[in-house]
Amino acid sequence: MYSPDSIFRRNRHRYEPTADMAAGLSCVICGTDLRDPRRSDAVVSAHHEGRQLLACRGRCAHLASGSSTGLDEPPLPLAERLRRHRSGA
């Protein structure tokens, strides 16, 4: 079991997602590039400033969201994520 001090230190040092992570173009845990259309195993793991954060299904999703299948919502299509990233929205 973790002590309250170690939990506080861990939460205090959370990182901000990179621009690619915030746009849903890379995994928030391992950084895998999710732009490859063959990578259909990405799941929504969280939200940040109104955007979906994606993680690889399995271990990364479990670390990011507490569930190996992520949140119960489909990720936006890749074309939409790319459009939003390029427009800065």
N, C-alpha and C. Protein backbone atom coordinates (compact mmCIF):
# COMPACT_ATOMS: atom_id res chain seq x y z
N MET A 1 0.84 -1.18 0.00
CA MET A 1 0.00 0.00 0.00
C MET A 1 0.89 1.24 0.00
N TYR A 2 0.46 2.27 -0.71
CA TYR A 2 1.24 3.49 -0.80
C TYR A 2 0.92 4.41 0.37
N SER A 3 1.94 5.11 0.84
CA SER A 3 1.73 6.06 1.92
C SER A 3 1.09 7.33 1.35
N PRO A 4 0.37 8.09 2.18
CA PRO A 4 -0.21 9.35 1.70
C PRO A 4 0.84 10.31 1.15
N ASP A 5 2.04 10.30 1.73
CA ASP A 5 3.10 11.18 1.23
C ASP A 5 3.52 10.81 -0.20
N SER A 6 3.66 9.51 -0.47
CA SER A 6 4.08 9.11 -1.82
C SER A 6 2.99 9.41 -2.84
N ILE A 7 1.73 9.25 -2.45
CA ILE A 7 0.63 9.57 -3.36
C ILE A 7 0.61 11.07 -3.64
N PHE A 8 0.79 11.89 -2.63
CA PHE A 8 0.80 13.34 -2.81
C PHE A 8 1.94 13.75 -3.74
N ARG A 9 3.13 13.19 -3.53
CA ARG A 9 4.27 13.54 -4.39
C ARG A 9 4.00 13.14 -5.83
N ARG A 10 3.42 11.96 -6.05
CA ARG A 10 3.14 11.50 -7.41
C ARG A 10 2.13 12.42 -8.09
N ASN A 11 1.07 12.79 -7.42
CA ASN A 11 0.04 13.66 -8.02
C ASN A 11 0.57 15.06 -8.27
N ARG A 12 1.46 15.52 -7.45
CA ARG A 12 1.99 16.87 -7.58
C ARG A 12 2.88 17.00 -8.81
N HIS A 13 3.47 15.91 -9.26
CA HIS A 13 4.42 15.95 -10.39
C HIS A 13 3.81 15.42 -11.68
N ARG A 14 2.52 15.54 -11.84
CA ARG A 14 1.89 15.10 -13.09
C ARG A 14 2.40 15.97 -14.23
N TYR A 15 2.54 15.35 -15.37
CA TYR A 15 3.01 16.08 -16.55
C TYR A 15 1.84 16.53 -17.39
N GLU A 16 2.07 17.53 -18.19
CA GLU A 16 1.07 17.97 -19.18
C GLU A 16 1.30 17.16 -20.45
N PRO A 17 0.23 16.75 -21.11
CA PRO A 17 0.40 16.00 -22.36
C PRO A 17 1.01 16.88 -23.45
N THR A 18 1.77 16.25 -24.33
CA THR A 18 2.35 16.99 -25.46
C THR A 18 1.23 17.37 -26.42
N ALA A 19 1.54 18.20 -27.40
CA ALA A 19 0.54 18.62 -28.39
C ALA A 19 -0.02 17.41 -29.14
N ASP A 20 0.85 16.46 -29.50
CA ASP A 20 0.39 15.26 -30.21
C ASP A 20 -0.51 14.40 -29.31
N MET A 21 -0.16 14.30 -28.03
CA MET A 21 -0.98 13.53 -27.10
C MET A 21 -2.34 14.19 -26.91
N ALA A 22 -2.35 15.51 -26.77
CA ALA A 22 -3.60 16.25 -26.57
C ALA A 22 -4.50 16.18 -27.80
N ALA A 23 -3.90 16.00 -28.97
CA ALA A 23 -4.68 15.90 -30.20
C ALA A 23 -5.13 14.46 -30.49
N GLY A 24 -4.72 13.51 -29.65
CA GLY A 24 -5.09 12.11 -29.87
C GLY A 24 -4.27 11.46 -30.95
N LEU A 25 -3.06 11.97 -31.18
CA LEU A 25 -2.21 11.42 -32.24
C LEU A 25 -1.11 10.52 -31.72
N SER A 26 -0.94 10.46 -30.39
CA SER A 26 0.02 9.54 -29.81
C SER A 26 -0.48 9.07 -28.44
N CYS A 27 -0.01 7.92 -28.04
CA CYS A 27 -0.42 7.31 -26.78
C CYS A 27 0.10 8.15 -25.61
N VAL A 28 -0.75 8.39 -24.61
CA VAL A 28 -0.37 9.22 -23.47
C VAL A 28 0.61 8.50 -22.54
N ILE A 29 0.75 7.21 -22.66
CA ILE A 29 1.66 6.46 -21.79
C ILE A 29 2.98 6.15 -22.49
N CYS A 30 2.93 5.46 -23.63
CA CYS A 30 4.18 5.02 -24.27
C CYS A 30 4.61 5.92 -25.42
N GLY A 31 3.74 6.83 -25.87
CA GLY A 31 4.10 7.76 -26.94
C GLY A 31 4.01 7.18 -28.34
N THR A 32 3.45 5.99 -28.50
CA THR A 32 3.32 5.38 -29.82
C THR A 32 2.52 6.29 -30.74
N ASP A 33 3.00 6.45 -31.97
CA ASP A 33 2.31 7.29 -32.95
C ASP A 33 1.04 6.58 -33.40
N LEU A 34 -0.10 7.22 -33.22
CA LEU A 34 -1.39 6.63 -33.56
C LEU A 34 -1.91 7.12 -34.90
N ARG A 35 -1.06 7.77 -35.71
CA ARG A 35 -1.48 8.26 -37.03
C ARG A 35 -1.59 7.14 -38.05
N ASP A 36 -0.95 6.03 -37.79
CA ASP A 36 -0.99 4.89 -38.70
C ASP A 36 -2.41 4.32 -38.71
N PRO A 37 -3.09 4.34 -39.86
CA PRO A 37 -4.48 3.87 -39.92
C PRO A 37 -4.65 2.41 -39.47
N ARG A 38 -3.59 1.63 -39.51
CA ARG A 38 -3.68 0.24 -39.07
C ARG A 38 -3.76 0.11 -37.56
N ARG A 39 -3.47 1.19 -36.83
CA ARG A 39 -3.53 1.17 -35.36
C ARG A 39 -4.95 1.47 -34.92
N SER A 40 -5.78 0.48 -34.94
CA SER A 40 -7.17 0.69 -34.55
C SER A 40 -7.41 0.29 -33.10
N ASP A 41 -6.36 -0.02 -32.38
CA ASP A 41 -6.52 -0.48 -31.00
C ASP A 41 -6.41 0.65 -29.98
N ALA A 42 -6.42 1.90 -30.43
CA ALA A 42 -6.36 3.03 -29.50
C ALA A 42 -7.73 3.23 -28.86
N VAL A 43 -7.72 3.54 -27.57
CA VAL A 43 -8.97 3.77 -26.84
C VAL A 43 -8.88 5.11 -26.12
N VAL A 44 -10.03 5.71 -25.87
CA VAL A 44 -10.08 6.97 -25.12
C VAL A 44 -9.78 6.64 -23.66
N SER A 45 -8.77 7.31 -23.10
CA SER A 45 -8.38 7.02 -21.72
C SER A 45 -8.71 8.16 -20.77
N ALA A 46 -8.87 9.37 -21.29
CA ALA A 46 -9.16 10.53 -20.44
C ALA A 46 -9.52 11.71 -21.34
N HIS A 47 -9.81 12.84 -20.71
CA HIS A 47 -10.07 14.09 -21.43
C HIS A 47 -9.18 15.17 -20.85
N HIS A 48 -8.69 16.06 -21.69
CA HIS A 48 -7.85 17.18 -21.26
C HIS A 48 -8.27 18.40 -22.06
N GLU A 49 -8.78 19.42 -21.36
CA GLU A 49 -9.22 20.65 -22.00
C GLU A 49 -10.20 20.38 -23.14
N GLY A 50 -11.14 19.47 -22.91
CA GLY A 50 -12.17 19.17 -23.90
C GLY A 50 -11.74 18.26 -25.03
N ARG A 51 -10.55 17.72 -24.97
CA ARG A 51 -10.06 16.83 -26.02
C ARG A 51 -9.90 15.41 -25.47
N GLN A 52 -10.04 14.45 -26.37
CA GLN A 52 -9.84 13.06 -25.99
C GLN A 52 -8.35 12.75 -25.92
N LEU A 53 -7.93 12.08 -24.86
CA LEU A 53 -6.58 11.56 -24.77
C LEU A 53 -6.66 10.07 -25.05
N LEU A 54 -5.81 9.57 -25.94
CA LEU A 54 -5.87 8.17 -26.34
C LEU A 54 -4.69 7.39 -25.79
N ALA A 55 -4.92 6.10 -25.60
CA ALA A 55 -3.88 5.19 -25.15
C ALA A 55 -4.03 3.89 -25.93
N CYS A 56 -2.94 3.14 -26.02
CA CYS A 56 -3.00 1.82 -26.64
C CYS A 56 -3.86 0.92 -25.75
N ARG A 57 -4.68 0.08 -26.37
CA ARG A 57 -5.53 -0.84 -25.61
C ARG A 57 -4.64 -1.80 -24.81
N GLY A 58 -5.03 -2.08 -23.60
CA GLY A 58 -4.29 -3.01 -22.76
C GLY A 58 -3.59 -2.29 -21.62
N ARG A 59 -2.30 -2.53 -21.49
CA ARG A 59 -1.54 -2.00 -20.36
C ARG A 59 -1.53 -0.47 -20.33
N CYS A 60 -1.31 0.18 -21.45
CA CYS A 60 -1.28 1.65 -21.48
C CYS A 60 -2.63 2.23 -21.06
N ALA A 61 -3.71 1.66 -21.59
CA ALA A 61 -5.04 2.13 -21.22
C ALA A 61 -5.30 1.91 -19.74
N HIS A 62 -4.84 0.78 -19.22
CA HIS A 62 -5.03 0.49 -17.79
C HIS A 62 -4.29 1.51 -16.93
N LEU A 63 -3.07 1.84 -17.31
CA LEU A 63 -2.29 2.83 -16.55
C LEU A 63 -2.91 4.22 -16.65
N ALA A 64 -3.48 4.54 -17.79
CA ALA A 64 -4.02 5.89 -18.00
C ALA A 64 -5.43 6.07 -17.43
N SER A 65 -6.25 5.00 -17.48
CA SER A 65 -7.65 5.18 -17.09
C SER A 65 -8.14 4.22 -16.02
N GLY A 66 -7.34 3.21 -15.70
CA GLY A 66 -7.77 2.22 -14.72
C GLY A 66 -8.51 1.06 -15.35
N SER A 67 -8.71 1.08 -16.66
CA SER A 67 -9.39 0.00 -17.37
C SER A 67 -8.61 -0.32 -18.65
N SER A 68 -8.41 -1.60 -18.92
CA SER A 68 -7.65 -1.96 -20.11
C SER A 68 -8.40 -1.66 -21.41
N THR A 69 -9.70 -1.37 -21.30
CA THR A 69 -10.48 -1.01 -22.48
C THR A 69 -10.76 0.49 -22.55
N GLY A 70 -10.22 1.27 -21.63
CA GLY A 70 -10.40 2.72 -21.64
C GLY A 70 -11.81 3.13 -21.25
N LEU A 71 -12.16 4.34 -21.59
CA LEU A 71 -13.49 4.85 -21.30
C LEU A 71 -14.49 4.29 -22.32
N ASP A 72 -15.74 4.33 -21.97
CA ASP A 72 -16.77 3.76 -22.84
C ASP A 72 -17.25 4.80 -23.86
N GLU A 73 -16.34 5.19 -24.76
CA GLU A 73 -16.68 6.09 -25.86
C GLU A 73 -15.70 5.86 -26.99
N PRO A 74 -16.15 5.95 -28.22
CA PRO A 74 -15.25 5.72 -29.35
C PRO A 74 -14.35 6.93 -29.59
N PRO A 75 -13.12 6.68 -30.02
CA PRO A 75 -12.25 7.82 -30.36
C PRO A 75 -12.74 8.50 -31.63
N LEU A 76 -12.44 9.78 -31.74
CA LEU A 76 -12.77 10.50 -32.98
C LEU A 76 -12.00 9.85 -34.13
N PRO A 77 -12.53 9.94 -35.35
CA PRO A 77 -11.81 9.40 -36.51
C PRO A 77 -10.47 10.12 -36.68
N LEU A 78 -9.49 9.40 -37.23
CA LEU A 78 -8.15 9.96 -37.42
C LEU A 78 -8.18 11.24 -38.23
N ALA A 79 -8.96 11.30 -39.29
CA ALA A 79 -9.02 12.50 -40.13
C ALA A 79 -9.48 13.71 -39.32
N GLU A 80 -10.45 13.53 -38.45
CA GLU A 80 -10.94 14.63 -37.60
C GLU A 80 -9.87 15.06 -36.60
N ARG A 81 -9.16 14.09 -36.01
CA ARG A 81 -8.09 14.44 -35.06
C ARG A 81 -6.98 15.22 -35.74
N LEU A 82 -6.62 14.79 -36.95
CA LEU A 82 -5.57 15.51 -37.71
C LEU A 82 -6.03 16.91 -38.08
N ARG A 83 -7.28 17.05 -38.52
CA ARG A 83 -7.81 18.37 -38.89
C ARG A 83 -7.76 19.32 -37.69
N ARG A 84 -8.22 18.85 -36.53
CA ARG A 84 -8.22 19.69 -35.34
C ARG A 84 -6.80 20.06 -34.90
N HIS A 85 -5.87 19.12 -35.04
CA HIS A 85 -4.47 19.38 -34.66
C HIS A 85 -3.86 20.45 -35.57
N ARG A 86 -4.11 20.35 -36.87
CA ARG A 86 -3.55 21.31 -37.82
C ARG A 86 -4.16 22.69 -37.67
N SER A 87 -5.45 22.74 -37.31
CA SER A 87 -6.10 24.04 -37.17
C SER A 87 -5.85 24.67 -35.80
N GLY A 88 -5.31 23.87 -34.88
CA GLY A 88 -5.03 24.40 -33.54
C GLY A 88 -6.25 24.42 -32.65
N ALA A 89 -7.32 23.80 -33.09
CA ALA A 89 -8.57 23.78 -32.29
C ALA A 89 -8.50 22.76 -31.18
